[in-house]
Amino acid sequence: MAPGYFACNFIKIHRTLRVTPAMAAGVTRRLWEVVDLVALWEAYERGEKIAA
């Protein structure tokens, strides 16, 4: 269920916060998209290092 948690925290803008929870917590400054999640997942499966 990790993709679901990722989507809730990085992709979905919450009505009360008006940003994503990750943005509100200062983890990221940008709104992520599903394409970003897929790219991270593919890089992980290839064993590549992922820059933050």
Protein backbone atom coordinates (compact mmCIF):
# COMPACT_ATOMS: atom_id res chain seq x y z
CA MET A 1 0.00 0.00 0.00
CA ALA A 2 3.01 2.32 -0.11
CA PRO A 3 1.91 3.91 -3.43
CA GLY A 4 -1.36 4.88 -1.76
CA TYR A 5 0.43 6.58 1.12
CA PHE A 6 2.75 8.31 -1.34
CA ALA A 7 -0.21 9.61 -3.31
CA CYS A 8 -1.95 10.91 -0.19
CA ASN A 9 1.17 12.67 1.07
CA PHE A 10 2.84 13.94 -2.10
CA ILE A 11 0.22 14.10 -4.89
CA LYS A 12 -3.17 14.89 -3.37
CA ILE A 13 -3.83 18.47 -2.30
CA HIS A 14 -5.86 18.44 0.89
CA ARG A 15 -8.70 20.88 1.21
CA THR A 16 -7.92 22.14 4.71
CA LEU A 17 -4.17 22.48 4.15
CA ARG A 18 -4.45 23.79 0.56
CA VAL A 19 -1.19 21.93 -0.13
CA THR A 20 -0.07 18.32 0.18
CA PRO A 21 0.86 17.06 3.67
CA ALA A 22 4.47 16.61 2.51
CA MET A 23 4.60 20.24 1.41
CA ALA A 24 3.03 21.39 4.69
CA ALA A 25 5.66 19.40 6.63
CA GLY A 26 8.51 20.87 4.57
CA VAL A 27 9.52 17.54 3.01
CA THR A 28 9.13 18.88 -0.53
CA ARG A 29 8.44 22.23 -2.15
CA ARG A 30 6.72 21.00 -5.29
CA LEU A 31 3.55 19.16 -6.15
CA TRP A 32 4.41 15.67 -7.34
CA GLU A 33 2.61 13.80 -10.12
CA VAL A 34 1.96 10.11 -10.72
CA VAL A 35 4.66 10.22 -13.41
CA ASP A 36 7.19 11.12 -10.70
CA LEU A 37 6.11 8.12 -8.62
CA VAL A 38 6.46 5.76 -11.58
CA ALA A 39 9.91 7.16 -12.42
CA LEU A 40 11.09 6.63 -8.83
CA TRP A 41 9.68 3.12 -8.78
CA GLU A 42 11.38 2.18 -12.06
CA ALA A 43 14.71 3.63 -10.91
CA TYR A 44 14.45 1.67 -7.67
CA GLU A 45 13.79 -1.58 -9.52
CA ARG A 46 16.81 -0.95 -11.77
CA GLY A 47 18.91 -0.42 -8.65
CA GLU A 48 19.80 3.17 -9.49
CA LYS A 49 20.67 5.75 -6.88
CA ILE A 50 17.91 8.30 -6.50
CA ALA A 51 18.87 11.91 -5.85
CA ALA A 52 16.64 13.74 -3.41
